[in-house]
Every structure is written in C-alpha cells, then in structure tokens.
Amino acid sequence: DLSGDNSSLSDELDAIIETIEASQESVKIYLIGNLHVTAAKSDEGSGLTNTNISDFNQLLAQYAAGADITYLNPNDLFDDSTGALDTQYSGDGKHLLGKYYSVLAAWLVQSA
C-alpha cells in the first residue's frame, strides 16, 4: 500500500534479499521502481497518487544505495511531460498495455 506506513520497508527488504542471497550466492539484485499512474488516476483521491509512488520509489532508491543494490527507475520511459504515466501507454490509468511490456523488458535488459 503506497499510502501506508513504509517504516518497515527496510526490514522487509532485508529479509527478502537475505533469502535470495542465501539461495543464490553472488547474485546481482536489482530493485525496480513502481511506474507512475496517469494524472487522472492520480487525481482520484485514493492513496495511489504519483506523489506517493515517487516517495516510495525514493525509499527504494535510498535502500538500494545503502545495500549495494542497483536501483532502476522506469518512469522516464513512460511518463508524460507532467511526470505522470502517459495515457497512450495505459488503458486503465494504472497498468501498461500489454504491448508495452516488451519495451520495458528491453530497457531492463539494456539497463542491467
């Protein structure tokens, strides 16, 4: 929940990463930021706002920097000029249309 209390995020990520590293020695871990939503979806008044998403992504980036993990932010690929998910990429305002997942996958491969 992006509108909730994220104070336990670091502890939760620690537990997940320790589990991964215990089963996969010398694995390279990437944290990928959450995509923004469209401006209309962000303005609906729920907790799912671009401000909350950006704040959460900032926490992920800070965690990654302190844990020697690579953080990747995909929003530059799909945001409009206002910093919201461009409506051309989404049918519901929250998720990418299926045909754009290949763009995201190619970017992830290139960024890794």
PDB file of N, CA and C in Angstrom:
ATOM      1  N   ASP A   1       0.841  -1.173   0.000  1.00  0.00           N
ATOM      2  CA  ASP A   1       0.000   0.000   0.000  1.00  0.00           C
ATOM      3  C   ASP A   1       0.887   1.238   0.000  1.00  0.00           C
ATOM      4  N   LEU A   2       0.858   1.977  -1.064  1.00  0.00           N
ATOM      5  CA  LEU A   2       1.729   3.139  -1.203  1.00  0.00           C
ATOM      6  C   LEU A   2       1.295   4.311  -0.345  1.00  0.00           C
ATOM      7  N   SER A   3       0.109   4.262   0.223  1.00  0.00           N
ATOM      8  CA  SER A   3      -0.344   5.351   1.075  1.00  0.00           C
ATOM      9  C   SER A   3      -0.123   5.044   2.547  1.00  0.00           C
ATOM     10  N   GLY A   4       0.394   3.881   2.838  1.00  0.00           N
ATOM     11  CA  GLY A   4       0.568   3.457   4.221  1.00  0.00           C
ATOM     12  C   GLY A   4       1.901   3.831   4.810  1.00  0.00           C
ATOM     13  N   ASP A   5       2.165   3.252   5.960  1.00  0.00           N
ATOM     14  CA  ASP A   5       3.410   3.488   6.687  1.00  0.00           C
ATOM     15  C   ASP A   5       4.492   2.598   6.096  1.00  0.00           C
ATOM     16  N   ASN A   6       5.549   3.216   5.612  1.00  0.00           N
ATOM     17  CA  ASN A   6       6.640   2.465   4.984  1.00  0.00           C
ATOM     18  C   ASN A   6       7.847   2.305   5.906  1.00  0.00           C
ATOM     19  N   SER A   7       7.640   2.519   7.204  1.00  0.00           N
ATOM     20  CA  SER A   7       8.763   2.470   8.140  1.00  0.00           C
ATOM     21  C   SER A   7       9.407   1.089   8.219  1.00  0.00           C
ATOM     22  N   SER A   8       8.667   0.041   7.914  1.00  0.00           N
ATOM     23  CA  SER A   8       9.225  -1.313   7.986  1.00  0.00           C
ATOM     24  C   SER A   8       9.791  -1.784   6.651  1.00  0.00           C
ATOM     25  N   LEU A   9       9.790  -0.907   5.653  1.00  0.00           N
ATOM     26  CA  LEU A   9      10.246  -1.297   4.322  1.00  0.00           C
ATOM     27  C   LEU A   9      11.660  -1.861   4.337  1.00  0.00           C
ATOM     28  N   SER A  10      12.571  -1.201   5.025  1.00  0.00           N
ATOM     29  CA  SER A  10      13.962  -1.650   5.056  1.00  0.00           C
ATOM     30  C   SER A  10      14.080  -3.054   5.654  1.00  0.00           C
ATOM     31  N   ASP A  11      13.389  -3.297   6.750  1.00  0.00           N
ATOM     32  CA  ASP A  11      13.427  -4.620   7.376  1.00  0.00           C
ATOM     33  C   ASP A  11      12.839  -5.691   6.456  1.00  0.00           C
ATOM     34  N   GLU A  12      11.747  -5.352   5.791  1.00  0.00           N
ATOM     35  CA  GLU A  12      11.116  -6.301   4.879  1.00  0.00           C
ATOM     36  C   GLU A  12      12.028  -6.604   3.692  1.00  0.00           C
ATOM     37  N   LEU A  13      12.652  -5.580   3.133  1.00  0.00           N
ATOM     38  CA  LEU A  13      13.577  -5.786   2.022  1.00  0.00           C
ATOM     39  C   LEU A  13      14.794  -6.593   2.471  1.00  0.00           C
ATOM     40  N   ASP A  14      15.297  -6.297   3.662  1.00  0.00           N
ATOM     41  CA  ASP A  14      16.423  -7.078   4.201  1.00  0.00           C
ATOM     42  C   ASP A  14      16.089  -8.568   4.225  1.00  0.00           C
ATOM     43  N   ALA A  15      14.921  -8.890   4.721  1.00  0.00           N
ATOM     44  CA  ALA A  15      14.516 -10.294   4.830  1.00  0.00           C
ATOM     45  C   ALA A  15      14.418 -10.951   3.458  1.00  0.00           C
ATOM     46  N   ILE A  16      13.846 -10.252   2.518  1.00  0.00           N
ATOM     47  CA  ILE A  16      13.705 -10.798   1.160  1.00  0.00           C
ATOM     48  C   ILE A  16      15.072 -10.998   0.517  1.00  0.00           C
ATOM     49  N   ILE A  17      15.918 -10.000   0.630  1.00  0.00           N
ATOM     50  CA  ILE A  17      17.239 -10.065  -0.004  1.00  0.00           C
ATOM     51  C   ILE A  17      18.115 -11.131   0.650  1.00  0.00           C
ATOM     52  N   GLU A  18      18.030 -11.249   1.961  1.00  0.00           N
ATOM     53  CA  GLU A  18      18.787 -12.309   2.647  1.00  0.00           C
ATOM     54  C   GLU A  18      18.351 -13.686   2.165  1.00  0.00           C
ATOM     55  N   THR A  19      17.069 -13.872   1.962  1.00  0.00           N
ATOM     56  CA  THR A  19      16.558 -15.146   1.458  1.00  0.00           C
ATOM     57  C   THR A  19      17.089 -15.433   0.065  1.00  0.00           C
ATOM     58  N   ILE A  20      17.066 -14.431  -0.788  1.00  0.00           N
ATOM     59  CA  ILE A  20      17.573 -14.600  -2.156  1.00  0.00           C
ATOM     60  C   ILE A  20      19.063 -14.914  -2.135  1.00  0.00           C
ATOM     61  N   GLU A  21      19.825 -14.145  -1.382  1.00  0.00           N
ATOM     62  CA  GLU A  21      21.278 -14.330  -1.345  1.00  0.00           C
ATOM     63  C   GLU A  21      21.669 -15.662  -0.715  1.00  0.00           C
ATOM     64  N   ALA A  22      20.859 -16.162   0.202  1.00  0.00           N
ATOM     65  CA  ALA A  22      21.149 -17.452   0.825  1.00  0.00           C
ATOM     66  C   ALA A  22      21.015 -18.595  -0.173  1.00  0.00           C
ATOM     67  N   SER A  23      20.128 -18.428  -1.128  1.00  0.00           N
ATOM     68  CA  SER A  23      19.926 -19.500  -2.109  1.00  0.00           C
ATOM     69  C   SER A  23      20.695 -19.277  -3.413  1.00  0.00           C
ATOM     70  N   GLN A  24      21.169 -18.061  -3.633  1.00  0.00           N
ATOM     71  CA  GLN A  24      21.873 -17.727  -4.868  1.00  0.00           C
ATOM     72  C   GLN A  24      23.110 -16.893  -4.531  1.00  0.00           C
ATOM     73  N   GLU A  25      24.230 -17.554  -4.269  1.00  0.00           N
ATOM     74  CA  GLU A  25      25.445 -16.817  -3.926  1.00  0.00           C
ATOM     75  C   GLU A  25      25.859 -15.891  -5.064  1.00  0.00           C
ATOM     76  N   SER A  26      26.368 -14.768  -4.718  1.00  0.00           N
ATOM     77  CA  SER A  26      26.881 -13.728  -5.617  1.00  0.00           C
ATOM     78  C   SER A  26      25.887 -13.305  -6.702  1.00  0.00           C
ATOM     79  N   VAL A  27      24.613 -13.339  -6.363  1.00  0.00           N
ATOM     80  CA  VAL A  27      23.580 -12.904  -7.291  1.00  0.00           C
ATOM     81  C   VAL A  27      23.570 -11.368  -7.358  1.00  0.00           C
ATOM     82  N   LYS A  28      23.308 -10.830  -8.524  1.00  0.00           N
ATOM     83  CA  LYS A  28      23.156  -9.387  -8.705  1.00  0.00           C
ATOM     84  C   LYS A  28      21.672  -9.068  -8.538  1.00  0.00           C
ATOM     85  N   ILE A  29      21.361  -8.193  -7.591  1.00  0.00           N
ATOM     86  CA  ILE A  29      19.969  -7.860  -7.286  1.00  0.00           C
ATOM     87  C   ILE A  29      19.655  -6.459  -7.792  1.00  0.00           C
ATOM     88  N   TYR A  30      18.496  -6.324  -8.387  1.00  0.00           N
ATOM     89  CA  TYR A  30      18.011  -5.044  -8.883  1.00  0.00           C
ATOM     90  C   TYR A  30      16.680  -4.733  -8.206  1.00  0.00           C
ATOM     91  N   LEU A  31      16.516  -3.500  -7.785  1.00  0.00           N
ATOM     92  CA  LEU A  31      15.219  -3.009  -7.336  1.00  0.00           C
ATOM     93  C   LEU A  31      14.700  -2.097  -8.433  1.00  0.00           C
ATOM     94  N   ILE A  32      13.472  -2.326  -8.841  1.00  0.00           N
ATOM     95  CA  ILE A  32      12.881  -1.557  -9.933  1.00  0.00           C
ATOM     96  C   ILE A  32      11.741  -0.725  -9.377  1.00  0.00           C
ATOM     97  N   GLY A  33      11.778   0.563  -9.654  1.00  0.00           N
ATOM     98  CA  GLY A  33      10.750   1.463  -9.167  1.00  0.00           C
ATOM     99  C   GLY A  33       9.387   1.151  -9.746  1.00  0.00           C
ATOM    100  N   ASN A  34       8.380   1.569  -9.027  1.00  0.00           N
ATOM    101  CA  ASN A  34       6.997   1.417  -9.483  1.00  0.00           C
ATOM    102  C   ASN A  34       6.689   2.458 -10.544  1.00  0.00           C
ATOM    103  N   LEU A  35       5.940   2.063 -11.538  1.00  0.00           N
ATOM    104  CA  LEU A  35       5.507   3.015 -12.561  1.00  0.00           C
ATOM    105  C   LEU A  35       4.474   3.974 -11.986  1.00  0.00           C
ATOM    106  N   HIS A  36       4.537   5.212 -12.444  1.00  0.00           N
ATOM    107  CA  HIS A  36       3.515   6.181 -12.087  1.00  0.00           C
ATOM    108  C   HIS A  36       2.177   5.765 -12.680  1.00  0.00           C
ATOM    109  N   VAL A  37       1.131   6.422 -12.251  1.00  0.00           N
ATOM    110  CA  VAL A  37      -0.194   6.262 -12.834  1.00  0.00           C
ATOM    111  C   VAL A  37      -0.483   7.512 -13.660  1.00  0.00           C
ATOM    112  N   THR A  38      -1.546   7.478 -14.450  1.00  0.00           N
ATOM    113  CA  THR A  38      -1.900   8.656 -15.230  1.00  0.00           C
ATOM    114  C   THR A  38      -2.319   9.787 -14.291  1.00  0.00           C
ATOM    115  N   ALA A  39      -2.277  11.010 -14.793  1.00  0.00           N
ATOM    116  CA  ALA A  39      -2.660  12.167 -13.986  1.00  0.00           C
ATOM    117  C   ALA A  39      -4.100  12.030 -13.493  1.00  0.00           C
ATOM    118  N   ALA A  40      -4.986  11.555 -14.353  1.00  0.00           N
ATOM    119  CA  ALA A  40      -6.391  11.397 -13.954  1.00  0.00           C
ATOM    120  C   ALA A  40      -6.521  10.393 -12.816  1.00  0.00           C
ATOM    121  N   LYS A  41      -5.804   9.284 -12.897  1.00  0.00           N
ATOM    122  CA  LYS A  41      -5.862   8.257 -11.842  1.00  0.00           C
ATOM    123  C   LYS A  41      -5.255   8.814 -10.560  1.00  0.00           C
ATOM    124  N   SER A  42      -4.161   9.542 -10.675  1.00  0.00           N
ATOM    125  CA  SER A  42      -3.504  10.117  -9.506  1.00  0.00           C
ATOM    126  C   SER A  42      -4.412  11.127  -8.795  1.00  0.00           C
ATOM    127  N   ASP A  43      -5.226  11.835  -9.569  1.00  0.00           N
ATOM    128  CA  ASP A  43      -6.093  12.880  -9.021  1.00  0.00           C
ATOM    129  C   ASP A  43      -7.401  12.345  -8.439  1.00  0.00           C
ATOM    130  N   GLU A  44      -7.626  11.037  -8.487  1.00  0.00           N
ATOM    131  CA  GLU A  44      -8.884  10.474  -7.991  1.00  0.00           C
ATOM    132  C   GLU A  44      -9.033  10.567  -6.474  1.00  0.00           C
ATOM    133  N   GLY A  45      -7.950  10.787  -5.763  1.00  0.00           N
ATOM    134  CA  GLY A  45      -8.057  10.968  -4.330  1.00  0.00           C
ATOM    135  C   GLY A  45      -7.786   9.723  -3.501  1.00  0.00           C
ATOM    136  N   SER A  46      -7.416   8.622  -4.129  1.00  0.00           N
ATOM    137  CA  SER A  46      -7.053   7.432  -3.369  1.00  0.00           C
ATOM    138  C   SER A  46      -5.588   7.552  -2.959  1.00  0.00           C
ATOM    139  N   GLY A  47      -5.084   6.559  -2.300  1.00  0.00           N
ATOM    140  CA  GLY A  47      -3.675   6.562  -1.919  1.00  0.00           C
ATOM    141  C   GLY A  47      -2.734   6.352  -3.085  1.00  0.00           C
ATOM    142  N   LEU A  48      -3.292   5.947  -4.214  1.00  0.00           N
ATOM    143  CA  LEU A  48      -2.477   5.658  -5.386  1.00  0.00           C
ATOM    144  C   LEU A  48      -2.248   6.947  -6.171  1.00  0.00           C
ATOM    145  N   THR A  49      -1.329   7.759  -5.664  1.00  0.00           N
ATOM    146  CA  THR A  49      -1.002   9.027  -6.320  1.00  0.00           C
ATOM    147  C   THR A  49       0.446   8.986  -6.785  1.00  0.00           C
ATOM    148  N   ASN A  50       0.763   9.816  -7.735  1.00  0.00           N
ATOM    149  CA  ASN A  50       2.143   9.865  -8.216  1.00  0.00           C
ATOM    150  C   ASN A  50       3.097  10.393  -7.154  1.00  0.00           C
ATOM    151  N   THR A  51       2.603  11.240  -6.286  1.00  0.00           N
ATOM    152  CA  THR A  51       3.442  11.701  -5.176  1.00  0.00           C
ATOM    153  C   THR A  51       3.811  10.528  -4.276  1.00  0.00           C
ATOM    154  N   ASN A  52       2.820   9.705  -3.911  1.00  0.00           N
ATOM    155  CA  ASN A  52       3.097   8.539  -3.069  1.00  0.00           C
ATOM    156  C   ASN A  52       4.008   7.541  -3.776  1.00  0.00           C
ATOM    157  N   ILE A  53       3.791   7.343  -5.073  1.00  0.00           N
ATOM    158  CA  ILE A  53       4.635   6.422  -5.831  1.00  0.00           C
ATOM    159  C   ILE A  53       6.064   6.938  -5.871  1.00  0.00           C
ATOM    160  N   SER A  54       6.234   8.219  -6.134  1.00  0.00           N
ATOM    161  CA  SER A  54       7.580   8.802  -6.171  1.00  0.00           C
ATOM    162  C   SER A  54       8.260   8.720  -4.806  1.00  0.00           C
ATOM    163  N   ASP A  55       7.502   8.978  -3.743  1.00  0.00           N
ATOM    164  CA  ASP A  55       8.062   8.867  -2.393  1.00  0.00           C
ATOM    165  C   ASP A  55       8.516   7.439  -2.105  1.00  0.00           C
ATOM    166  N   PHE A  56       7.689   6.474  -2.477  1.00  0.00           N
ATOM    167  CA  PHE A  56       8.030   5.068  -2.270  1.00  0.00           C
ATOM    168  C   PHE A  56       9.259   4.689  -3.101  1.00  0.00           C
ATOM    169  N   ASN A  57       9.295   5.146  -4.340  1.00  0.00           N
ATOM    170  CA  ASN A  57      10.458   4.869  -5.189  1.00  0.00           C
ATOM    171  C   ASN A  57      11.726   5.477  -4.611  1.00  0.00           C
ATOM    172  N   GLN A  58      11.603   6.653  -4.015  1.00  0.00           N
ATOM    173  CA  GLN A  58      12.765   7.278  -3.376  1.00  0.00           C
ATOM    174  C   GLN A  58      13.272   6.418  -2.224  1.00  0.00           C
ATOM    175  N   LEU A  59      12.351   5.843  -1.459  1.00  0.00           N
ATOM    176  CA  LEU A  59      12.761   4.927  -0.381  1.00  0.00           C
ATOM    177  C   LEU A  59      13.485   3.712  -0.944  1.00  0.00           C
ATOM    178  N   LEU A  60      12.974   3.177  -2.056  1.00  0.00           N
ATOM    179  CA  LEU A  60      13.645   2.035  -2.698  1.00  0.00           C
ATOM    180  C   LEU A  60      15.049   2.418  -3.156  1.00  0.00           C
ATOM    181  N   ALA A  61      15.172   3.605  -3.761  1.00  0.00           N
ATOM    182  CA  ALA A  61      16.478   4.059  -4.250  1.00  0.00           C
ATOM    183  C   ALA A  61      17.455   4.255  -3.095  1.00  0.00           C
ATOM    184  N   GLN A  62      16.988   4.820  -1.998  1.00  0.00           N
ATOM    185  CA  GLN A  62      17.850   5.021  -0.829  1.00  0.00           C
ATOM    186  C   GLN A  62      18.285   3.686  -0.241  1.00  0.00           C
ATOM    187  N   TYR A  63      17.352   2.760  -0.161  1.00  0.00           N
ATOM    188  CA  TYR A  63      17.689   1.433   0.352  1.00  0.00           C
ATOM    189  C   TYR A  63      18.747   0.787  -0.540  1.00  0.00           C
ATOM    190  N   ALA A  64      18.528   0.836  -1.837  1.00  0.00           N
ATOM    191  CA  ALA A  64      19.456   0.214  -2.790  1.00  0.00           C
ATOM    192  C   ALA A  64      20.850   0.813  -2.665  1.00  0.00           C
ATOM    193  N   ALA A  65      20.925   2.128  -2.528  1.00  0.00           N
ATOM    194  CA  ALA A  65      22.227   2.795  -2.423  1.00  0.00           C
ATOM    195  C   ALA A  65      22.980   2.341  -1.175  1.00  0.00           C
ATOM    196  N   GLY A  66      22.257   2.101  -0.100  1.00  0.00           N
ATOM    197  CA  GLY A  66      22.894   1.680   1.137  1.00  0.00           C
ATOM    198  C   GLY A  66      23.186   0.201   1.213  1.00  0.00           C
ATOM    199  N   ALA A  67      22.651  -0.556   0.273  1.00  0.00           N
ATOM    200  CA  ALA A  67      22.800  -2.015   0.314  1.00  0.00           C
ATOM    201  C   ALA A  67      23.590  -2.560  -0.872  1.00  0.00           C
ATOM    202  N   ASP A  68      24.225  -1.675  -1.634  1.00  0.00           N
ATOM    203  CA  ASP A  68      24.993  -2.088  -2.808  1.00  0.00           C
ATOM    204  C   ASP A  68      24.139  -2.894  -3.784  1.00  0.00           C
ATOM    205  N   ILE A  69      22.947  -2.361  -4.032  1.00  0.00           N
ATOM    206  CA  ILE A  69      21.985  -2.963  -4.954  1.00  0.00           C
ATOM    207  C   ILE A  69      21.701  -1.922  -6.026  1.00  0.00           C
ATOM    208  N   THR A  70      21.472  -2.352  -7.233  1.00  0.00           N
ATOM    209  CA  THR A  70      21.175  -1.430  -8.323  1.00  0.00           C
ATOM    210  C   THR A  70      19.686  -1.096  -8.329  1.00  0.00           C
ATOM    211  N   TYR A  71      19.383   0.185  -8.336  1.00  0.00           N
ATOM    212  CA  TYR A  71      18.006   0.662  -8.443  1.00  0.00           C
ATOM    213  C   TYR A  71      17.779   1.170  -9.859  1.00  0.00           C
ATOM    214  N   LEU A  72      16.689   0.769 -10.451  1.00  0.00           N
ATOM    215  CA  LEU A  72      16.320   1.219 -11.793  1.00  0.00           C
ATOM    216  C   LEU A  72      14.947   1.885 -11.746  1.00  0.00           C
ATOM    217  N   ASN A  73      14.832   3.046 -12.362  1.00  0.00           N
ATOM    218  CA  ASN A  73      13.575   3.786 -12.379  1.00  0.00           C
ATOM    219  C   ASN A  73      13.039   3.827 -13.810  1.00  0.00           C
ATOM    220  N   PRO A  74      11.969   3.095 -14.085  1.00  0.00           N
ATOM    221  CA  PRO A  74      11.450   3.020 -15.449  1.00  0.00           C
ATOM    222  C   PRO A  74      10.545   4.178 -15.862  1.00  0.00           C
ATOM    223  N   ASN A  75      10.314   5.128 -14.982  1.00  0.00           N
ATOM    224  CA  ASN A  75       9.329   6.166 -15.293  1.00  0.00           C
ATOM    225  C   ASN A  75       9.723   7.074 -16.452  1.00  0.00           C
ATOM    226  N   ASP A  76      11.016   7.258 -16.681  1.00  0.00           N
ATOM    227  CA  ASP A  76      11.426   8.090 -17.812  1.00  0.00           C
ATOM    228  C   ASP A  76      10.952   7.520 -19.150  1.00  0.00           C
ATOM    229  N   LEU A  77      10.738   6.234 -19.190  1.00  0.00           N
ATOM    230  CA  LEU A  77      10.268   5.602 -20.427  1.00  0.00           C
ATOM    231  C   LEU A  77       8.815   5.930 -20.752  1.00  0.00           C
ATOM    232  N   PHE A  78       8.011   6.060 -19.707  1.00  0.00           N
ATOM    233  CA  PHE A  78       6.561   6.090 -19.919  1.00  0.00           C
ATOM    234  C   PHE A  78       5.844   7.329 -19.391  1.00  0.00           C
ATOM    235  N   ASP A  79       6.561   8.226 -18.732  1.00  0.00           N
ATOM    236  CA  ASP A  79       5.919   9.422 -18.196  1.00  0.00           C
ATOM    237  C   ASP A  79       5.689  10.477 -19.272  1.00  0.00           C
ATOM    238  N   ASP A  80       4.646  11.262 -19.065  1.00  0.00           N
ATOM    239  CA  ASP A  80       4.415  12.417 -19.930  1.00  0.00           C
ATOM    240  C   ASP A  80       5.198  13.610 -19.381  1.00  0.00           C
ATOM    241  N   SER A  81       4.981  14.784 -19.921  1.00  0.00           N
ATOM    242  CA  SER A  81       5.749  15.968 -19.521  1.00  0.00           C
ATOM    243  C   SER A  81       5.439  16.426 -18.096  1.00  0.00           C
ATOM    244  N   THR A  82       4.348  15.928 -17.502  1.00  0.00           N
ATOM    245  CA  THR A  82       3.996  16.308 -16.133  1.00  0.00           C
ATOM    246  C   THR A  82       4.500  15.316 -15.097  1.00  0.00           C
ATOM    247  N   GLY A  83       5.133  14.241 -15.546  1.00  0.00           N
ATOM    248  CA  GLY A  83       5.627  13.233 -14.612  1.00  0.00           C
ATOM    249  C   GLY A  83       4.603  12.179 -14.258  1.00  0.00           C
ATOM    250  N   ALA A  84       3.576  12.054 -15.068  1.00  0.00           N
ATOM    251  CA  ALA A  84       2.546  11.031 -14.883  1.00  0.00           C
ATOM    252  C   ALA A  84       2.654  10.014 -16.023  1.00  0.00           C
ATOM    253  N   LEU A  85       2.136   8.824 -15.797  1.00  0.00           N
ATOM    254  CA  LEU A  85       2.098   7.820 -16.854  1.00  0.00           C
ATOM    255  C   LEU A  85       1.328   8.389 -18.037  1.00  0.00           C
ATOM    256  N   ASP A  86       1.945   8.378 -19.192  1.00  0.00           N
ATOM    257  CA  ASP A  86       1.314   8.895 -20.401  1.00  0.00           C
ATOM    258  C   ASP A  86       0.124   8.006 -20.758  1.00  0.00           C
ATOM    259  N   THR A  87      -1.012   8.615 -21.045  1.00  0.00           N
ATOM    260  CA  THR A  87      -2.245   7.865 -21.311  1.00  0.00           C
ATOM    261  C   THR A  87      -2.131   6.925 -22.507  1.00  0.00           C
ATOM    262  N   GLN A  88      -1.213   7.191 -23.425  1.00  0.00           N
ATOM    263  CA  GLN A  88      -1.075   6.305 -24.587  1.00  0.00           C
ATOM    264  C   GLN A  88      -0.566   4.921 -24.203  1.00  0.00           C
ATOM    265  N   TYR A  89       0.040   4.806 -23.016  1.00  0.00           N
ATOM    266  CA  TYR A  89       0.630   3.543 -22.589  1.00  0.00           C
ATOM    267  C   TYR A  89      -0.270   2.724 -21.675  1.00  0.00           C
ATOM    268  N   SER A  90      -1.451   3.245 -21.326  1.00  0.00           N
ATOM    269  CA  SER A  90      -2.295   2.572 -20.339  1.00  0.00           C
ATOM    270  C   SER A  90      -3.760   2.646 -20.719  1.00  0.00           C
ATOM    271  N   GLY A  91      -4.465   1.562 -20.472  1.00  0.00           N
ATOM    272  CA  GLY A  91      -5.902   1.553 -20.709  1.00  0.00           C
ATOM    273  C   GLY A  91      -6.701   1.879 -19.464  1.00  0.00           C
ATOM    274  N   ASP A  92      -6.146   1.563 -18.299  1.00  0.00           N
ATOM    275  CA  ASP A  92      -6.880   1.773 -17.047  1.00  0.00           C
ATOM    276  C   ASP A  92      -6.275   2.848 -16.157  1.00  0.00           C
ATOM    277  N   GLY A  93      -5.188   3.464 -16.611  1.00  0.00           N
ATOM    278  CA  GLY A  93      -4.556   4.515 -15.832  1.00  0.00           C
ATOM    279  C   GLY A  93      -3.550   4.025 -14.813  1.00  0.00           C
ATOM    280  N   LYS A  94      -3.481   2.696 -14.618  1.00  0.00           N
ATOM    281  CA  LYS A  94      -2.593   2.129 -13.604  1.00  0.00           C
ATOM    282  C   LYS A  94      -1.556   1.162 -14.167  1.00  0.00           C
ATOM    283  N   HIS A  95      -1.894   0.501 -15.229  1.00  0.00           N
ATOM    284  CA  HIS A  95      -1.035  -0.559 -15.758  1.00  0.00           C
ATOM    285  C   HIS A  95      -0.682  -0.292 -17.214  1.00  0.00           C
ATOM    286  N   LEU A  96       0.484  -0.776 -17.609  1.00  0.00           N
ATOM    287  CA  LEU A  96       0.866  -0.693 -19.016  1.00  0.00           C
ATOM    288  C   LEU A  96      -0.043  -1.583 -19.857  1.00  0.00           C
ATOM    289  N   LEU A  97      -0.303  -1.144 -21.063  1.00  0.00           N
ATOM    290  CA  LEU A  97      -0.928  -2.032 -22.035  1.00  0.00           C
ATOM    291  C   LEU A  97       0.068  -3.141 -22.357  1.00  0.00           C
ATOM    292  N   GLY A  98      -0.422  -4.319 -22.649  1.00  0.00           N
ATOM    293  CA  GLY A  98       0.437  -5.475 -22.871  1.00  0.00           C
ATOM    294  C   GLY A  98       1.542  -5.256 -23.885  1.00  0.00           C
ATOM    295  N   LYS A  99       1.252  -4.521 -24.941  1.00  0.00           N
ATOM    296  CA  LYS A  99       2.252  -4.347 -25.990  1.00  0.00           C
ATOM    297  C   LYS A  99       3.461  -3.535 -25.543  1.00  0.00           C
ATOM    298  N   TYR A 100       3.363  -2.854 -24.397  1.00  0.00           N
ATOM    299  CA  TYR A 100       4.495  -2.052 -23.924  1.00  0.00           C
ATOM    300  C   TYR A 100       5.401  -2.784 -22.939  1.00  0.00           C
ATOM    301  N   TYR A 101       5.015  -3.982 -22.545  1.00  0.00           N
ATOM    302  CA  TYR A 101       5.892  -4.740 -21.657  1.00  0.00           C
ATOM    303  C   TYR A 101       7.181  -5.156 -22.359  1.00  0.00           C
ATOM    304  N   SER A 102       7.142  -5.315 -23.671  1.00  0.00           N
ATOM    305  CA  SER A 102       8.374  -5.634 -24.392  1.00  0.00           C
ATOM    306  C   SER A 102       9.328  -4.434 -24.380  1.00  0.00           C
ATOM    307  N   VAL A 103       8.794  -3.226 -24.388  1.00  0.00           N
ATOM    308  CA  VAL A 103       9.627  -2.023 -24.281  1.00  0.00           C
ATOM    309  C   VAL A 103      10.283  -1.987 -22.903  1.00  0.00           C
ATOM    310  N   LEU A 104       9.500  -2.266 -21.880  1.00  0.00           N
ATOM    311  CA  LEU A 104      10.027  -2.297 -20.516  1.00  0.00           C
ATOM    312  C   LEU A 104      11.080  -3.391 -20.374  1.00  0.00           C
ATOM    313  N   ALA A 105      10.816  -4.566 -20.924  1.00  0.00           N
ATOM    314  CA  ALA A 105      11.771  -5.674 -20.830  1.00  0.00           C
ATOM    315  C   ALA A 105      13.081  -5.335 -21.538  1.00  0.00           C
ATOM    316  N   ALA A 106      12.998  -4.739 -22.710  1.00  0.00           N
ATOM    317  CA  ALA A 106      14.208  -4.356 -23.448  1.00  0.00           C
ATOM    318  C   ALA A 106      15.023  -3.334 -22.660  1.00  0.00           C
ATOM    319  N   TRP A 107      14.331  -2.382 -22.044  1.00  0.00           N
ATOM    320  CA  TRP A 107      15.009  -1.377 -21.228  1.00  0.00           C
ATOM    321  C   TRP A 107      15.697  -2.027 -20.025  1.00  0.00           C
ATOM    322  N   LEU A 108      15.004  -2.981 -19.390  1.00  0.00           N
ATOM    323  CA  LEU A 108      15.605  -3.672 -18.247  1.00  0.00           C
ATOM    324  C   LEU A 108      16.866  -4.420 -18.644  1.00  0.00           C
ATOM    325  N   VAL A 109      16.823  -5.109 -19.765  1.00  0.00           N
ATOM    326  CA  VAL A 109      17.993  -5.837 -20.244  1.00  0.00           C
ATOM    327  C   VAL A 109      19.134  -4.865 -20.543  1.00  0.00           C
ATOM    328  N   GLN A 110      18.831  -3.774 -21.194  1.00  0.00           N
ATOM    329  CA  GLN A 110      19.847  -2.768 -21.535  1.00  0.00           C
ATOM    330  C   GLN A 110      20.414  -2.115 -20.265  1.00  0.00           C
ATOM    331  N   SER A 111      19.566  -1.887 -19.284  1.00  0.00           N
ATOM    332  CA  SER A 111      19.999  -1.209 -18.051  1.00  0.00           C
ATOM    333  C   SER A 111      20.781  -2.111 -17.128  1.00  0.00           C
ATOM    334  N   ALA A 112      20.556  -3.393 -17.242  1.00  0.00           N
ATOM    335  CA  ALA A 112      21.266  -4.352 -16.382  1.00  0.00           C
ATOM    336  C   ALA A 112      22.622  -4.596 -16.985  1.00  0.00           C
TER     337      ALA A 112
END
